Amino acid sequence: MNFAELSIKEIRELIEKMDEIPKDFLQWLRQDSRKGVQELARQLEGAMARQARLAEQWEAMTQVERALREEGHAHLFGIDEVGRGPLAGPVVACAVCLPADFYLPGLNDSKKLPASVREGFYDVIRRDALAVGIGIVSAERIDEINILEATREAMRLAIQNAAIEPDVCLIDAVQLPDLPCKQLPIIGGDGKSVSIAAASVVAKVTRDRLMAEYAVQYPQYGFDKNAGYGTAEHLAALQRYGPSPIHRRTFTGVKERA
């Protein structure tokens, strides 16, 4: 291909249309002495390197899933929760079952992803997953049974609310007693398993949206910005206004619920 016959705009449009970059494409670009084409080559090289890193990361984060499928397990549930540490709001758990051919490079622990990326990934996961279940346990319930038991309760609810039965549950760190299927607690699982990472993304986006709704009801606490965590502004609001109905009394030290 003679790139000298194409304008820089035409070369850029050609790149955008490609599903896969030919092996010698960068070499062809580098043979063109135009500065604009050389800049395109540098940009493309960087993009290809990022894609390669993400593909390598995906390979590492699907090792557990591939091994379980080779054993004959089809419905692998990734399970994670969000909201164990905040002073206010519920704990939210999610159970996600991904198809074997699911591919979403860059999927990782939701805390490591920008909000805009999480939102986009959330849409893809909800669209393509075989099943998604959500479990929500209120602040009042957290005060009744403690945060660990509330986390387990939310996870059980998430499993129950999924459309299919799990063969294996991959759980971020927590172990669920009496679960009627194989389970694999994985410490730091949201960064080691794509199934758990997918659950962490859905749980995080779900809870953030809930807290944004609570921010409309209780605007003085800034729940849309702090998601119920104890930021300086949140603590100052607690000092000034006292706790709201969604604050955790066992976390804030207030004994009686308003």
C-alpha atoms as a PDB file:
ATOM      1  CA  MET A   1       0.000   0.000   0.000  1.00  0.00           C
ATOM      2  CA  ASN A   2       1.378   3.424  -0.968  1.00  0.00           C
ATOM      3  CA  PHE A   3       0.442   5.819   1.822  1.00  0.00           C
ATOM      4  CA  ALA A   4       2.060   8.699  -0.032  1.00  0.00           C
ATOM      5  CA  GLU A   5      -1.007   8.758  -2.252  1.00  0.00           C
ATOM      6  CA  LEU A   6      -3.326   9.231   0.768  1.00  0.00           C
ATOM      7  CA  SER A   7      -3.857  12.351   2.849  1.00  0.00           C
ATOM      8  CA  ILE A   8      -3.291  12.189   6.595  1.00  0.00           C
ATOM      9  CA  LYS A   9      -7.056  12.465   7.081  1.00  0.00           C
ATOM     10  CA  GLU A  10      -7.609   9.482   4.754  1.00  0.00           C
ATOM     11  CA  ILE A  11      -5.001   7.422   6.618  1.00  0.00           C
ATOM     12  CA  ARG A  12      -6.650   8.250   9.945  1.00  0.00           C
ATOM     13  CA  GLU A  13     -10.066   7.237   8.577  1.00  0.00           C
ATOM     14  CA  LEU A  14      -8.540   4.000   7.253  1.00  0.00           C
ATOM     15  CA  ILE A  15      -7.175   3.173  10.715  1.00  0.00           C
ATOM     16  CA  GLU A  16     -10.559   3.871  12.336  1.00  0.00           C
ATOM     17  CA  LYS A  17     -12.257   1.392   9.982  1.00  0.00           C
ATOM     18  CA  MET A  18      -9.831  -1.445  10.706  1.00  0.00           C
ATOM     19  CA  ASP A  19     -11.027  -4.246  12.986  1.00  0.00           C
ATOM     20  CA  GLU A  20      -7.494  -5.599  13.152  1.00  0.00           C
ATOM     21  CA  ILE A  21      -4.237  -3.821  12.356  1.00  0.00           C
ATOM     22  CA  PRO A  22      -2.141  -5.684   9.731  1.00  0.00           C
ATOM     23  CA  LYS A  23       1.220  -6.918  11.018  1.00  0.00           C
ATOM     24  CA  ASP A  24       3.311  -4.620   8.803  1.00  0.00           C
ATOM     25  CA  PHE A  25       1.010  -1.600   9.075  1.00  0.00           C
ATOM     26  CA  LEU A  26       3.250   0.392  11.445  1.00  0.00           C
ATOM     27  CA  GLN A  27       6.254  -0.251   9.228  1.00  0.00           C
ATOM     28  CA  TRP A  28       4.339   1.099   6.243  1.00  0.00           C
ATOM     29  CA  LEU A  29       3.423   4.212   8.198  1.00  0.00           C
ATOM     30  CA  ARG A  30       6.997   4.799   9.348  1.00  0.00           C
ATOM     31  CA  GLN A  31       8.197   4.792   5.748  1.00  0.00           C
ATOM     32  CA  ASP A  32       6.154   7.945   5.167  1.00  0.00           C
ATOM     33  CA  SER A  33       8.274  10.996   6.047  1.00  0.00           C
ATOM     34  CA  ARG A  34       5.339  13.339   6.740  1.00  0.00           C
ATOM     35  CA  LYS A  35       5.275  14.537  10.358  1.00  0.00           C
ATOM     36  CA  GLY A  36       1.530  13.983  10.601  1.00  0.00           C
ATOM     37  CA  VAL A  37       1.875  10.362   9.501  1.00  0.00           C
ATOM     38  CA  GLN A  38       4.757   9.815  11.917  1.00  0.00           C
ATOM     39  CA  GLU A  39       2.544  11.142  14.736  1.00  0.00           C
ATOM     40  CA  LEU A  40      -0.211   8.743  13.652  1.00  0.00           C
ATOM     41  CA  ALA A  41       2.324   5.912  13.790  1.00  0.00           C
ATOM     42  CA  ARG A  42       3.334   6.857  17.353  1.00  0.00           C
ATOM     43  CA  GLN A  43      -0.310   7.068  18.441  1.00  0.00           C
ATOM     44  CA  LEU A  44      -1.122   3.733  16.844  1.00  0.00           C
ATOM     45  CA  GLU A  45       1.904   2.070  18.399  1.00  0.00           C
ATOM     46  CA  GLY A  46       0.834   3.316  21.826  1.00  0.00           C
ATOM     47  CA  ALA A  47      -2.743   2.115  21.301  1.00  0.00           C
ATOM     48  CA  MET A  48      -1.566  -1.316  20.162  1.00  0.00           C
ATOM     49  CA  ALA A  49       0.720  -1.608  23.195  1.00  0.00           C
ATOM     50  CA  ARG A  50      -2.199  -0.730  25.499  1.00  0.00           C
ATOM     51  CA  GLN A  51      -4.396  -3.306  23.781  1.00  0.00           C
ATOM     52  CA  ALA A  52      -1.690  -5.931  24.233  1.00  0.00           C
ATOM     53  CA  ARG A  53      -1.378  -5.113  27.948  1.00  0.00           C
ATOM     54  CA  LEU A  54      -5.154  -5.307  28.410  1.00  0.00           C
ATOM     55  CA  ALA A  55      -5.293  -8.630  26.555  1.00  0.00           C
ATOM     56  CA  GLU A  56      -2.530  -9.977  28.810  1.00  0.00           C
ATOM     57  CA  GLN A  57      -4.396  -8.735  31.872  1.00  0.00           C
ATOM     58  CA  TRP A  58      -7.594 -10.395  30.642  1.00  0.00           C
ATOM     59  CA  GLU A  59      -5.724 -13.663  30.170  1.00  0.00           C
ATOM     60  CA  ALA A  60      -4.477 -13.515  33.766  1.00  0.00           C
ATOM     61  CA  MET A  61      -7.898 -12.575  35.177  1.00  0.00           C
ATOM     62  CA  THR A  62      -9.688 -15.461  33.427  1.00  0.00           C
ATOM     63  CA  GLN A  63      -7.421 -18.270  34.618  1.00  0.00           C
ATOM     64  CA  VAL A  64      -9.787 -19.389  37.383  1.00  0.00           C
ATOM     65  CA  GLU A  65     -12.810 -19.264  35.099  1.00  0.00           C
ATOM     66  CA  ARG A  66     -11.089 -21.272  32.361  1.00  0.00           C
ATOM     67  CA  ALA A  67      -9.989 -23.946  34.830  1.00  0.00           C
ATOM     68  CA  LEU A  68     -13.500 -24.279  36.261  1.00  0.00           C
ATOM     69  CA  ARG A  69     -15.075 -24.526  32.806  1.00  0.00           C
ATOM     70  CA  GLU A  70     -12.575 -27.254  31.906  1.00  0.00           C
ATOM     71  CA  GLU A  71     -13.897 -29.136  34.949  1.00  0.00           C
ATOM     72  CA  GLY A  72     -17.386 -28.913  33.453  1.00  0.00           C
ATOM     73  CA  HIS A  73     -18.826 -25.982  35.401  1.00  0.00           C
ATOM     74  CA  ALA A  74     -20.940 -23.680  33.232  1.00  0.00           C
ATOM     75  CA  HIS A  75     -22.591 -21.138  35.530  1.00  0.00           C
ATOM     76  CA  LEU A  76     -19.788 -19.323  37.326  1.00  0.00           C
ATOM     77  CA  PHE A  77     -20.986 -16.526  39.598  1.00  0.00           C
ATOM     78  CA  GLY A  78     -18.674 -13.664  40.474  1.00  0.00           C
ATOM     79  CA  ILE A  79     -19.830 -12.075  43.734  1.00  0.00           C
ATOM     80  CA  ASP A  80     -18.723  -8.823  45.311  1.00  0.00           C
ATOM     81  CA  GLU A  81     -20.053  -6.097  47.566  1.00  0.00           C
ATOM     82  CA  VAL A  82     -19.726  -2.354  47.921  1.00  0.00           C
ATOM     83  CA  GLY A  83     -20.395  -0.237  50.982  1.00  0.00           C
ATOM     84  CA  ARG A  84     -18.894  -1.990  53.993  1.00  0.00           C
ATOM     85  CA  GLY A  85     -17.063   1.102  55.205  1.00  0.00           C
ATOM     86  CA  PRO A  86     -19.416   4.092  54.808  1.00  0.00           C
ATOM     87  CA  LEU A  87     -21.180   5.805  57.690  1.00  0.00           C
ATOM     88  CA  ALA A  88     -24.459   5.868  55.768  1.00  0.00           C
ATOM     89  CA  GLY A  89     -26.440   3.927  53.218  1.00  0.00           C
ATOM     90  CA  PRO A  90     -26.851   0.234  52.454  1.00  0.00           C
ATOM     91  CA  VAL A  91     -24.347  -2.451  51.638  1.00  0.00           C
ATOM     92  CA  VAL A  92     -24.918  -3.638  48.061  1.00  0.00           C
ATOM     93  CA  ALA A  93     -23.826  -7.000  46.656  1.00  0.00           C
ATOM     94  CA  CYS A  94     -23.953  -8.292  43.118  1.00  0.00           C
ATOM     95  CA  ALA A  95     -23.781 -11.770  41.581  1.00  0.00           C
ATOM     96  CA  VAL A  96     -22.802 -11.909  37.903  1.00  0.00           C
ATOM     97  CA  CYS A  97     -22.620 -14.899  35.556  1.00  0.00           C
ATOM     98  CA  LEU A  98     -20.670 -14.105  32.384  1.00  0.00           C
ATOM     99  CA  PRO A  99     -20.793 -16.139  29.165  1.00  0.00           C
ATOM    100  CA  ALA A 100     -17.664 -18.079  28.245  1.00  0.00           C
ATOM    101  CA  ASP A 101     -16.941 -15.827  25.258  1.00  0.00           C
ATOM    102  CA  PHE A 102     -17.372 -12.554  27.172  1.00  0.00           C
ATOM    103  CA  TYR A 103     -14.547 -10.097  26.508  1.00  0.00           C
ATOM    104  CA  LEU A 104     -14.270  -6.655  28.045  1.00  0.00           C
ATOM    105  CA  PRO A 105     -10.614  -5.562  28.087  1.00  0.00           C
ATOM    106  CA  GLY A 106      -9.832  -3.212  30.942  1.00  0.00           C
ATOM    107  CA  LEU A 107     -12.399  -4.732  33.291  1.00  0.00           C
ATOM    108  CA  ASN A 108     -10.947  -4.585  36.769  1.00  0.00           C
ATOM    109  CA  ASP A 109     -11.687  -3.775  40.400  1.00  0.00           C
ATOM    110  CA  SER A 110     -14.325  -1.030  40.218  1.00  0.00           C
ATOM    111  CA  LYS A 111     -12.292   1.199  42.565  1.00  0.00           C
ATOM    112  CA  LYS A 112      -9.518   1.346  39.966  1.00  0.00           C
ATOM    113  CA  LEU A 113     -11.814   2.527  37.162  1.00  0.00           C
ATOM    114  CA  PRO A 114     -12.895   6.114  36.438  1.00  0.00           C
ATOM    115  CA  ALA A 115     -16.613   6.721  36.975  1.00  0.00           C
ATOM    116  CA  SER A 116     -17.265   7.165  33.243  1.00  0.00           C
ATOM    117  CA  VAL A 117     -15.572   3.831  32.469  1.00  0.00           C
ATOM    118  CA  ARG A 118     -17.523   2.081  35.234  1.00  0.00           C
ATOM    119  CA  GLU A 119     -20.784   3.379  33.802  1.00  0.00           C
ATOM    120  CA  GLY A 120     -19.910   2.116  30.329  1.00  0.00           C
ATOM    121  CA  PHE A 121     -18.782  -1.270  31.643  1.00  0.00           C
ATOM    122  CA  TYR A 122     -21.967  -1.500  33.743  1.00  0.00           C
ATOM    123  CA  ASP A 123     -24.081  -1.189  30.591  1.00  0.00           C
ATOM    124  CA  VAL A 124     -22.073  -3.867  28.763  1.00  0.00           C
ATOM    125  CA  ILE A 125     -22.213  -6.287  31.700  1.00  0.00           C
ATOM    126  CA  ARG A 126     -25.956  -5.832  32.218  1.00  0.00           C
ATOM    127  CA  ARG A 127     -26.517  -6.343  28.480  1.00  0.00           C
ATOM    128  CA  ASP A 128     -24.292  -9.375  27.908  1.00  0.00           C
ATOM    129  CA  ALA A 129     -24.257 -11.304  31.207  1.00  0.00           C
ATOM    130  CA  LEU A 130     -26.174 -14.559  31.459  1.00  0.00           C
ATOM    131  CA  ALA A 131     -27.510 -13.416  34.819  1.00  0.00           C
ATOM    132  CA  VAL A 132     -27.169 -10.489  37.219  1.00  0.00           C
ATOM    133  CA  GLY A 133     -28.551 -10.467  40.755  1.00  0.00           C
ATOM    134  CA  ILE A 134     -28.507  -7.563  43.214  1.00  0.00           C
ATOM    135  CA  GLY A 135     -28.761  -7.755  47.004  1.00  0.00           C
ATOM    136  CA  ILE A 136     -29.294  -4.652  49.140  1.00  0.00           C
ATOM    137  CA  VAL A 137     -29.198  -4.578  52.947  1.00  0.00           C
ATOM    138  CA  SER A 138     -30.220  -1.370  54.714  1.00  0.00           C
ATOM    139  CA  ALA A 139     -28.333   0.655  57.305  1.00  0.00           C
ATOM    140  CA  GLU A 140     -30.909  -0.361  59.902  1.00  0.00           C
ATOM    141  CA  ARG A 141     -30.296  -4.038  59.177  1.00  0.00           C
ATOM    142  CA  ILE A 142     -26.525  -3.474  59.338  1.00  0.00           C
ATOM    143  CA  ASP A 143     -27.001  -2.069  62.841  1.00  0.00           C
ATOM    144  CA  GLU A 144     -29.042  -5.113  63.803  1.00  0.00           C
ATOM    145  CA  ILE A 145     -26.693  -7.881  62.644  1.00  0.00           C
ATOM    146  CA  ASN A 146     -23.267  -6.171  62.089  1.00  0.00           C
ATOM    147  CA  ILE A 147     -21.599  -5.350  58.797  1.00  0.00           C
ATOM    148  CA  LEU A 148     -20.040  -8.781  58.118  1.00  0.00           C
ATOM    149  CA  GLU A 149     -23.360 -10.596  58.490  1.00  0.00           C
ATOM    150  CA  ALA A 150     -25.082  -7.858  56.488  1.00  0.00           C
ATOM    151  CA  THR A 151     -22.520  -8.363  53.719  1.00  0.00           C
ATOM    152  CA  ARG A 152     -23.202 -12.087  53.677  1.00  0.00           C
ATOM    153  CA  GLU A 153     -26.942 -11.435  53.661  1.00  0.00           C
ATOM    154  CA  ALA A 154     -26.590  -9.069  50.695  1.00  0.00           C
ATOM    155  CA  MET A 155     -24.523 -11.669  48.824  1.00  0.00           C
ATOM    156  CA  ARG A 156     -27.095 -14.398  49.455  1.00  0.00           C
ATOM    157  CA  LEU A 157     -29.850 -12.067  48.225  1.00  0.00           C
ATOM    158  CA  ALA A 158     -27.824 -11.302  45.098  1.00  0.00           C
ATOM    159  CA  ILE A 159     -27.476 -15.022  44.344  1.00  0.00           C
ATOM    160  CA  GLN A 160     -31.191 -15.585  44.956  1.00  0.00           C
ATOM    161  CA  ASN A 161     -32.124 -12.666  42.700  1.00  0.00           C
ATOM    162  CA  ALA A 162     -30.108 -13.940  39.729  1.00  0.00           C
ATOM    163  CA  ALA A 163     -32.085 -15.660  36.991  1.00  0.00           C
ATOM    164  CA  ILE A 164     -30.123 -18.932  37.105  1.00  0.00           C
ATOM    165  CA  GLU A 165     -28.585 -21.248  39.702  1.00  0.00           C
ATOM    166  CA  PRO A 166     -24.811 -21.112  40.199  1.00  0.00           C
ATOM    167  CA  ASP A 167     -22.484 -24.072  39.751  1.00  0.00           C
ATOM    168  CA  VAL A 168     -19.614 -22.261  41.452  1.00  0.00           C
ATOM    169  CA  CYS A 169     -19.461 -18.945  43.320  1.00  0.00           C
ATOM    170  CA  LEU A 170     -16.259 -16.909  43.128  1.00  0.00           C
ATOM    171  CA  ILE A 171     -16.435 -14.516  46.073  1.00  0.00           C
ATOM    172  CA  ASP A 172     -14.225 -11.575  46.930  1.00  0.00           C
ATOM    173  CA  ALA A 173     -12.652 -12.639  50.265  1.00  0.00           C
ATOM    174  CA  VAL A 174     -15.914 -13.555  52.056  1.00  0.00           C
ATOM    175  CA  GLN A 175     -17.052 -17.125  52.689  1.00  0.00           C
ATOM    176  CA  LEU A 176     -20.784 -17.902  52.769  1.00  0.00           C
ATOM    177  CA  PRO A 177     -21.796 -20.670  55.188  1.00  0.00           C
ATOM    178  CA  ASP A 178     -24.303 -23.253  53.934  1.00  0.00           C
ATOM    179  CA  LEU A 179     -24.056 -22.188  50.296  1.00  0.00           C
ATOM    180  CA  PRO A 180     -25.511 -25.127  48.279  1.00  0.00           C
ATOM    181  CA  CYS A 181     -22.739 -25.094  45.651  1.00  0.00           C
ATOM    182  CA  LYS A 182     -18.980 -24.946  45.381  1.00  0.00           C
ATOM    183  CA  GLN A 183     -17.483 -21.615  46.440  1.00  0.00           C
ATOM    184  CA  LEU A 184     -14.022 -20.109  46.050  1.00  0.00           C
ATOM    185  CA  PRO A 185     -13.257 -17.137  48.303  1.00  0.00           C
ATOM    186  CA  ILE A 186     -10.479 -15.144  46.612  1.00  0.00           C
ATOM    187  CA  ILE A 187      -8.691 -12.415  48.560  1.00  0.00           C
ATOM    188  CA  GLY A 188      -8.471  -9.370  46.296  1.00  0.00           C
ATOM    189  CA  GLY A 189     -10.717 -11.225  43.877  1.00  0.00           C
ATOM    190  CA  ASP A 190     -11.985  -8.104  42.124  1.00  0.00           C
ATOM    191  CA  GLY A 191      -8.487  -7.682  40.713  1.00  0.00           C
ATOM    192  CA  LYS A 192      -7.912 -11.383  39.999  1.00  0.00           C
ATOM    193  CA  SER A 193     -11.159 -12.635  38.441  1.00  0.00           C
ATOM    194  CA  VAL A 194     -13.179 -10.989  35.667  1.00  0.00           C
ATOM    195  CA  SER A 195     -16.359 -12.459  37.133  1.00  0.00           C
ATOM    196  CA  ILE A 196     -15.762 -10.818  40.510  1.00  0.00           C
ATOM    197  CA  ALA A 197     -14.598  -7.618  38.811  1.00  0.00           C
ATOM    198  CA  ALA A 198     -17.850  -7.507  36.838  1.00  0.00           C
ATOM    199  CA  ALA A 199     -19.805  -7.937  40.072  1.00  0.00           C
ATOM    200  CA  SER A 200     -17.825  -5.148  41.716  1.00  0.00           C
ATOM    201  CA  VAL A 201     -18.620  -2.770  38.841  1.00  0.00           C
ATOM    202  CA  VAL A 202     -22.355  -3.488  38.912  1.00  0.00           C
ATOM    203  CA  ALA A 203     -22.480  -3.253  42.716  1.00  0.00           C
ATOM    204  CA  LYS A 204     -20.539   0.017  42.726  1.00  0.00           C
ATOM    205  CA  VAL A 205     -22.645   1.717  40.062  1.00  0.00           C
ATOM    206  CA  THR A 206     -25.859   0.470  41.682  1.00  0.00           C
ATOM    207  CA  ARG A 207     -24.881   1.799  45.090  1.00  0.00           C
ATOM    208  CA  ASP A 208     -23.578   5.117  43.754  1.00  0.00           C
ATOM    209  CA  ARG A 209     -26.893   5.679  42.011  1.00  0.00           C
ATOM    210  CA  LEU A 210     -28.777   4.867  45.204  1.00  0.00           C
ATOM    211  CA  MET A 211     -26.661   7.319  47.161  1.00  0.00           C
ATOM    212  CA  ALA A 212     -27.282  10.002  44.530  1.00  0.00           C
ATOM    213  CA  GLU A 213     -31.013   9.459  45.089  1.00  0.00           C
ATOM    214  CA  TYR A 214     -30.526   9.762  48.845  1.00  0.00           C
ATOM    215  CA  ALA A 215     -28.643  13.009  48.220  1.00  0.00           C
ATOM    216  CA  VAL A 216     -31.881  14.495  46.902  1.00  0.00           C
ATOM    217  CA  GLN A 217     -33.693  13.478  50.100  1.00  0.00           C
ATOM    218  CA  TYR A 218     -30.887  14.537  52.436  1.00  0.00           C
ATOM    219  CA  PRO A 219     -28.891  17.170  50.531  1.00  0.00           C
ATOM    220  CA  GLN A 220     -26.948  18.469  53.536  1.00  0.00           C
ATOM    221  CA  TYR A 221     -24.681  15.392  53.692  1.00  0.00           C
ATOM    222  CA  GLY A 222     -23.381  15.380  50.089  1.00  0.00           C
ATOM    223  CA  PHE A 223     -24.127  11.700  49.513  1.00  0.00           C
ATOM    224  CA  ASP A 224     -23.816  12.180  45.750  1.00  0.00           C
ATOM    225  CA  LYS A 225     -20.163  13.116  46.272  1.00  0.00           C
ATOM    226  CA  ASN A 226     -19.073  10.995  49.250  1.00  0.00           C
ATOM    227  CA  ALA A 227     -21.361   7.931  48.785  1.00  0.00           C
ATOM    228  CA  GLY A 228     -21.795   7.907  52.568  1.00  0.00           C
ATOM    229  CA  TYR A 229     -18.085   7.668  53.406  1.00  0.00           C
ATOM    230  CA  GLY A 230     -16.702   9.782  56.230  1.00  0.00           C
ATOM    231  CA  THR A 231     -15.183  12.687  54.347  1.00  0.00           C
ATOM    232  CA  ALA A 232     -14.409  15.908  56.206  1.00  0.00           C
ATOM    233  CA  GLU A 233     -17.496  17.568  54.718  1.00  0.00           C
ATOM    234  CA  HIS A 234     -19.687  14.616  55.667  1.00  0.00           C
ATOM    235  CA  LEU A 235     -18.380  14.571  59.236  1.00  0.00           C
ATOM    236  CA  ALA A 236     -18.965  18.307  59.520  1.00  0.00           C
ATOM    237  CA  ALA A 237     -22.562  17.838  58.324  1.00  0.00           C
ATOM    238  CA  LEU A 238     -23.076  15.072  60.879  1.00  0.00           C
ATOM    239  CA  GLN A 239     -21.796  17.374  63.586  1.00  0.00           C
ATOM    240  CA  ARG A 240     -24.127  20.150  62.487  1.00  0.00           C
ATOM    241  CA  TYR A 241     -27.312  18.275  61.557  1.00  0.00           C
ATOM    242  CA  GLY A 242     -27.017  14.947  63.332  1.00  0.00           C
ATOM    243  CA  PRO A 243     -27.603  11.616  61.559  1.00  0.00           C
ATOM    244  CA  SER A 244     -30.196  11.010  58.869  1.00  0.00           C
ATOM    245  CA  PRO A 245     -32.489   7.961  58.772  1.00  0.00           C
ATOM    246  CA  ILE A 246     -29.979   6.176  56.520  1.00  0.00           C
ATOM    247  CA  HIS A 247     -26.967   6.651  58.786  1.00  0.00           C
ATOM    248  CA  ARG A 248     -25.587   3.565  60.511  1.00  0.00           C
ATOM    249  CA  ARG A 249     -25.944   4.103  64.233  1.00  0.00           C
ATOM    250  CA  THR A 250     -23.264   1.561  65.085  1.00  0.00           C
ATOM    251  CA  PHE A 251     -20.848   3.441  62.814  1.00  0.00           C
ATOM    252  CA  THR A 252     -21.663   6.971  63.959  1.00  0.00           C
ATOM    253  CA  GLY A 253     -21.972   6.143  67.658  1.00  0.00           C
ATOM    254  CA  VAL A 254     -25.615   7.238  67.907  1.00  0.00           C
ATOM    255  CA  LYS A 255     -27.611   4.701  69.904  1.00  0.00           C
ATOM    256  CA  GLU A 256     -31.180   5.568  69.021  1.00  0.00           C
ATOM    257  CA  ARG A 257     -32.569   5.635  65.506  1.00  0.00           C
ATOM    258  CA  ALA A 258     -34.500   8.795  64.615  1.00  0.00           C
END
